[in-house]
Amino acid sequence: MNIIIIEDEKPSARRLQRLLQSLNLNAQVLLHSVEESVTWFQNNPHPDLIFLDIQLSDGLSFEIFEAVEIKSAIIFTTAYDEYALKAFKLNSIDYLLKPIDEDELLIAVEKFKNRSIQSQGVTLDFNDIKKLLVNPIDRAYKKRFSVKVGQHIKLIQVEDIECVYSENKGTYIHTNEGRNYLLDHTLDFLENELEPESFFRINRKFFVNINAIKDMVSYTNSRLQIKLNSYHDQEVIVARERVKDFKLWLER
C-alpha cells in the first residue's frame, strides 16, 4: 500500500509515521505545505491513501485539490471539532482528531482496507466542506455540570469554569471562584462535550476557557505558559504540538 502524509507540523508527521509503522504500514513521503504537495503530485504517481491535515503552513489543504486532480483515498487528521466534520462521512471520508489515538488510527486504516475504492477514487465537494469549517453543524454542548459536595449536589455553570484538568486519576473543574470540584467524566469524554469556541485542550491534562486567560508567556521548547485568573495550583503549559492550533483557536 502506497501512503503519504501531508502535515505541516513535522513532529506530528513523524509521530503518525511511527504509528503507521507499528501497523506494518510504511509512509515514506512526508509533505508539509500546499506548494510542496502540489509539486509532488504533479511529478509522482498518486498514492493509495493520503493522511491529510486541513490547516497547512501556507493555506488550507483543499487548495491542493484545486490545483491537481487527485483520486487517492483520504483520511483527514485535524484538530477541528468532530461534529463539524460529520459530513465527511457522507463522502465516505474518515478523519482522526489530534492528538491521534492508536486505536482510532487502526480502525481508520481497517476501514480503508475494507473499501474497494482504490480503483474508484474519491469524489469530494471541497467547497461544501470548507463551509462546514466556517459554519459548523449546530449541536448542544454542556451548559452545566453536577458535582457532589458532601451530601449535596451542586450545579456548576460552564461559563463559571476556568479550566478542567486531570490529577491523580481524577478529573476536576476549577471555577472562577477559585474552587475545585471532582467530576465523574474523563477529559477524553469532555473533548466532545465542551463548546470548542470557549474551551481548548492545551495538553493531555488540561482544557482552558478562553475567557479565563489572563496572560500567555513563551516557554521552553517552543511551548506557551498560560496564566489563568485564579488557578495557580500548577503550571498550565500548551504542549508544543498544540501551540499552532491553540493560536488559531485564539483568533476564531
Protein backbone atom coordinates (compact mmCIF):
# COMPACT_ATOMS: atom_id res chain seq x y z
CA MET A 1 0.00 0.00 0.00
CA ASN A 2 1.39 3.38 -1.03
CA ILE A 3 0.79 6.01 1.68
CA ILE A 4 1.80 9.66 2.07
CA ILE A 5 1.36 12.10 4.94
CA ILE A 6 0.61 15.79 4.41
CA GLU A 7 1.14 17.61 7.72
CA ASP A 8 2.92 20.91 8.31
CA GLU A 9 3.97 20.10 11.88
CA LYS A 10 6.96 17.83 11.36
CA PRO A 11 6.86 16.24 14.84
CA SER A 12 3.20 15.32 14.27
CA ALA A 13 4.03 13.92 10.84
CA ARG A 14 6.85 11.80 12.22
CA ARG A 15 4.65 10.56 15.08
CA LEU A 16 1.97 9.47 12.62
CA GLN A 17 4.65 7.80 10.50
CA ARG A 18 5.80 5.81 13.56
CA LEU A 19 2.22 4.86 14.44
CA LEU A 20 1.73 3.55 10.91
CA GLN A 21 4.97 1.59 11.14
CA SER A 22 3.59 -0.13 14.24
CA LEU A 23 0.75 -1.30 11.97
CA ASN A 24 3.29 -2.56 9.41
CA LEU A 25 2.48 0.31 7.06
CA ASN A 26 5.15 2.49 5.55
CA ALA A 27 4.60 6.17 4.71
CA GLN A 28 7.87 7.15 3.04
CA VAL A 29 6.73 10.56 1.77
CA LEU A 30 6.05 13.40 4.22
CA LEU A 31 4.83 16.69 2.73
CA HIS A 32 4.44 19.88 4.74
CA SER A 33 2.78 22.61 2.64
CA VAL A 34 0.29 23.23 -0.15
CA GLU A 35 3.02 24.29 -2.56
CA GLU A 36 5.23 21.29 -1.82
CA SER A 37 2.27 18.91 -2.14
CA VAL A 38 1.10 20.32 -5.49
CA THR A 39 4.60 19.97 -6.92
CA TRP A 40 4.90 16.41 -5.62
CA PHE A 41 1.54 15.31 -7.05
CA GLN A 42 2.40 16.84 -10.42
CA ASN A 43 5.57 14.78 -10.64
CA ASN A 44 4.80 11.46 -8.94
CA PRO A 45 2.29 8.61 -9.13
CA HIS A 46 -0.55 9.26 -6.75
CA PRO A 47 -0.74 7.07 -3.61
CA ASP A 48 -3.47 4.70 -2.49
CA LEU A 49 -4.03 6.63 0.74
CA ILE A 50 -3.33 10.17 1.97
CA PHE A 51 -3.28 11.26 5.60
CA LEU A 52 -4.19 14.91 5.23
CA ASP A 53 -4.06 17.78 7.71
CA ILE A 54 -6.54 20.57 6.95
CA GLN A 55 -4.58 23.65 8.03
CA LEU A 56 -1.11 23.78 6.44
CA SER A 57 1.53 26.47 6.83
CA ASP A 58 0.66 28.19 3.55
CA GLY A 59 -3.10 27.64 3.42
CA LEU A 60 -5.89 25.07 3.59
CA SER A 61 -5.03 21.67 2.16
CA PHE A 62 -8.11 21.86 -0.06
CA GLU A 63 -6.10 24.19 -2.28
CA ILE A 64 -4.05 21.16 -3.34
CA PHE A 65 -7.14 19.62 -4.92
CA GLU A 66 -7.99 22.83 -6.71
CA ALA A 67 -4.61 22.63 -8.46
CA VAL A 68 -4.33 18.87 -9.04
CA GLU A 69 -6.92 16.16 -9.70
CA ILE A 70 -6.36 13.52 -7.04
CA LYS A 71 -8.21 10.22 -6.82
CA SER A 72 -6.49 8.82 -3.74
CA ALA A 73 -8.42 7.85 -0.64
CA ILE A 74 -8.12 10.37 2.18
CA ILE A 75 -8.10 10.16 5.96
CA PHE A 76 -8.16 13.64 7.47
CA THR A 77 -6.05 14.42 10.52
CA THR A 78 -7.38 17.52 12.20
CA ALA A 79 -7.82 19.47 15.39
CA TYR A 80 -11.24 20.76 14.27
CA ASP A 81 -14.31 19.73 16.20
CA GLU A 82 -15.55 16.32 15.08
CA TYR A 83 -19.18 17.41 14.89
CA ALA A 84 -18.30 19.99 12.26
CA LEU A 85 -16.76 17.17 10.22
CA LYS A 86 -19.50 14.57 10.39
CA ALA A 87 -20.47 15.43 6.83
CA PHE A 88 -17.17 13.89 5.73
CA LYS A 89 -18.86 10.57 6.42
CA LEU A 90 -21.37 11.37 3.70
CA ASN A 91 -18.48 11.34 1.25
CA SER A 92 -17.05 8.14 2.74
CA ILE A 93 -14.11 10.03 4.22
CA ASP A 94 -12.74 9.18 7.63
CA TYR A 95 -10.99 11.60 9.96
CA LEU A 96 -8.80 11.45 13.05
CA LEU A 97 -8.77 14.11 15.72
CA LYS A 98 -5.39 15.25 17.02
CA PRO A 99 -3.62 14.03 19.02
CA ILE A 100 -4.14 10.83 17.05
CA ASP A 101 -5.13 7.79 19.08
CA GLU A 102 -3.53 4.48 18.07
CA ASP A 103 -6.79 2.52 18.29
CA GLU A 104 -8.66 5.08 16.19
CA LEU A 105 -5.87 5.00 13.62
CA LEU A 106 -6.17 1.22 13.37
CA ILE A 107 -9.94 1.48 12.87
CA ALA A 108 -9.50 4.09 10.13
CA VAL A 109 -6.90 2.01 8.32
CA GLU A 110 -9.06 -1.11 8.54
CA LYS A 111 -11.98 0.87 7.19
CA PHE A 112 -9.84 1.88 4.22
CA LYS A 113 -8.68 -1.69 3.61
CA ASN A 114 -12.27 -2.93 3.64
CA ARG A 115 -13.37 -0.46 0.98
CA SER A 116 -12.86 -1.13 -2.69
CA ILE A 117 -12.08 2.50 -3.51
CA GLN A 118 -8.58 2.27 -4.89
CA SER A 119 -9.85 2.00 -8.44
CA GLN A 120 -12.86 4.25 -7.94
CA GLY A 121 -11.27 7.32 -6.43
CA VAL A 122 -12.98 9.69 -4.02
CA THR A 123 -15.32 12.45 -5.07
CA LEU A 124 -15.35 15.45 -2.75
CA ASP A 125 -17.19 18.72 -2.73
CA PHE A 126 -14.44 20.73 -1.06
CA ASN A 127 -16.42 23.98 -1.17
CA ASP A 128 -19.12 22.40 0.99
CA ILE A 129 -16.53 21.03 3.38
CA LYS A 130 -14.83 24.43 3.70
CA LYS A 131 -18.21 25.97 4.51
CA LEU A 132 -18.62 23.44 7.30
CA LEU A 133 -15.34 24.52 8.83
CA VAL A 134 -16.52 28.10 8.93
CA ASN A 135 -20.12 27.31 9.92
CA PRO A 136 -20.03 24.07 11.94
CA ILE A 137 -23.09 21.88 12.32
CA ASP A 138 -25.17 23.11 15.24
CA ARG A 139 -25.19 20.87 18.29
CA ALA A 140 -25.85 21.16 22.00
CA TYR A 141 -22.79 21.33 24.25
CA LYS A 142 -22.67 21.05 28.02
CA LYS A 143 -24.22 24.04 29.77
CA ARG A 144 -23.67 22.85 33.34
CA PHE A 145 -22.16 20.06 35.43
CA SER A 146 -23.50 18.49 38.60
CA VAL A 147 -20.87 17.84 41.29
CA LYS A 148 -21.09 16.25 44.70
CA VAL A 149 -20.25 18.44 47.71
CA GLY A 150 -20.56 16.35 50.85
CA GLN A 151 -24.12 15.03 50.83
CA HIS A 152 -25.27 17.74 48.42
CA ILE A 153 -25.37 18.09 44.66
CA LYS A 154 -24.18 21.43 43.27
CA LEU A 155 -24.68 22.73 39.74
CA ILE A 156 -21.72 24.47 38.09
CA GLN A 157 -22.44 26.58 35.01
CA VAL A 158 -19.93 26.04 32.21
CA GLU A 159 -19.26 29.77 31.86
CA ASP A 160 -18.05 29.76 35.50
CA ILE A 161 -15.32 27.19 34.75
CA GLU A 162 -11.76 28.45 34.25
CA CYS A 163 -10.20 25.10 33.42
CA VAL A 164 -10.74 21.36 33.51
CA TYR A 165 -7.79 19.17 34.46
CA SER A 166 -6.79 15.66 35.42
CA GLU A 167 -4.80 14.85 38.54
CA ASN A 168 -4.16 11.56 40.38
CA LYS A 169 -6.53 9.70 38.04
CA GLY A 170 -9.36 12.17 38.76
CA THR A 171 -10.91 14.89 36.59
CA TYR A 172 -11.57 18.29 38.17
CA ILE A 173 -13.12 21.60 37.25
CA HIS A 174 -11.71 24.84 38.63
CA THR A 175 -14.19 27.70 38.87
CA ASN A 176 -13.66 31.43 38.71
CA GLU A 177 -14.36 31.47 42.46
CA GLY A 178 -11.15 29.51 42.97
CA ARG A 179 -12.90 26.23 43.91
CA ASN A 180 -12.07 22.73 42.62
CA TYR A 181 -14.70 20.04 42.11
CA LEU A 182 -14.34 16.39 41.16
CA LEU A 183 -16.17 15.22 38.02
CA ASP A 184 -17.32 11.76 37.01
CA HIS A 185 -16.13 12.27 33.42
CA THR A 186 -12.76 11.80 31.74
CA LEU A 187 -11.04 14.50 29.71
CA ASP A 188 -11.44 12.37 26.58
CA PHE A 189 -15.20 12.30 27.15
CA LEU A 190 -15.29 16.06 27.68
CA GLU A 191 -13.50 16.65 24.36
CA ASN A 192 -16.88 16.26 22.66
CA GLU A 193 -18.95 17.95 25.36
CA LEU A 194 -17.25 21.33 25.89
CA GLU A 195 -18.07 24.14 23.45
CA PRO A 196 -14.96 24.42 21.21
CA GLU A 197 -15.22 28.18 20.81
CA SER A 198 -14.67 28.57 24.56
CA PHE A 199 -12.59 25.56 25.59
CA PHE A 200 -9.33 24.23 24.17
CA ARG A 201 -7.37 21.15 25.21
CA ILE A 202 -3.85 22.52 25.54
CA ASN A 203 -2.27 19.20 26.55
CA ARG A 204 -3.26 15.74 27.77
CA LYS A 205 -4.22 17.06 31.21
CA PHE A 206 -5.84 20.48 30.64
CA PHE A 207 -8.71 22.29 28.99
CA VAL A 208 -8.73 26.06 29.39
CA ASN A 209 -11.55 28.55 28.99
CA ILE A 210 -10.58 31.41 26.68
CA ASN A 211 -12.35 33.88 28.98
CA ALA A 212 -10.15 32.85 31.92
CA ILE A 213 -6.81 33.51 30.21
CA LYS A 214 -5.01 36.41 31.89
CA ASP A 215 -1.63 36.16 30.18
CA MET A 216 0.44 34.00 27.83
CA VAL A 217 4.21 33.69 28.05
CA SER A 218 6.79 31.98 25.83
CA TYR A 219 8.07 28.83 27.49
CA THR A 220 10.88 26.34 26.89
CA ASN A 221 10.91 24.03 23.83
CA SER A 222 8.61 26.30 21.78
CA ARG A 223 5.75 25.92 24.25
CA LEU A 224 3.48 28.51 25.85
CA GLN A 225 2.66 29.05 29.51
CA ILE A 226 -0.88 30.15 30.29
CA LYS A 227 -1.75 32.35 33.26
CA LEU A 228 -5.35 31.95 34.39
CA ASN A 229 -7.33 34.35 36.54
CA SER A 230 -7.47 32.24 39.70
CA TYR A 231 -5.92 28.82 39.02
CA HIS A 232 -2.39 28.66 40.47
CA ASP A 233 -2.07 25.05 41.64
CA GLN A 234 0.37 24.01 38.89
CA GLU A 235 1.88 25.34 35.68
CA VAL A 236 -0.52 25.41 32.73
CA ILE A 237 1.51 24.67 29.60
CA VAL A 238 0.43 24.43 25.96
CA ALA A 239 2.12 21.34 24.51
CA ARG A 240 4.50 22.09 21.65
CA GLU A 241 2.47 20.11 19.11
CA ARG A 242 -0.67 22.06 20.13
CA VAL A 243 0.77 25.60 20.02
CA LYS A 244 -0.12 26.28 16.39
CA ASP A 245 -3.71 25.05 16.77
CA PHE A 246 -4.00 26.96 20.02
CA LYS A 247 -3.01 30.21 18.31
CA LEU A 248 -5.53 29.57 15.54
CA TRP A 249 -8.20 28.91 18.18
CA LEU A 250 -7.43 32.22 19.90
CA GLU A 251 -8.19 34.09 16.66
CA ARG A 252 -11.50 32.40 15.84
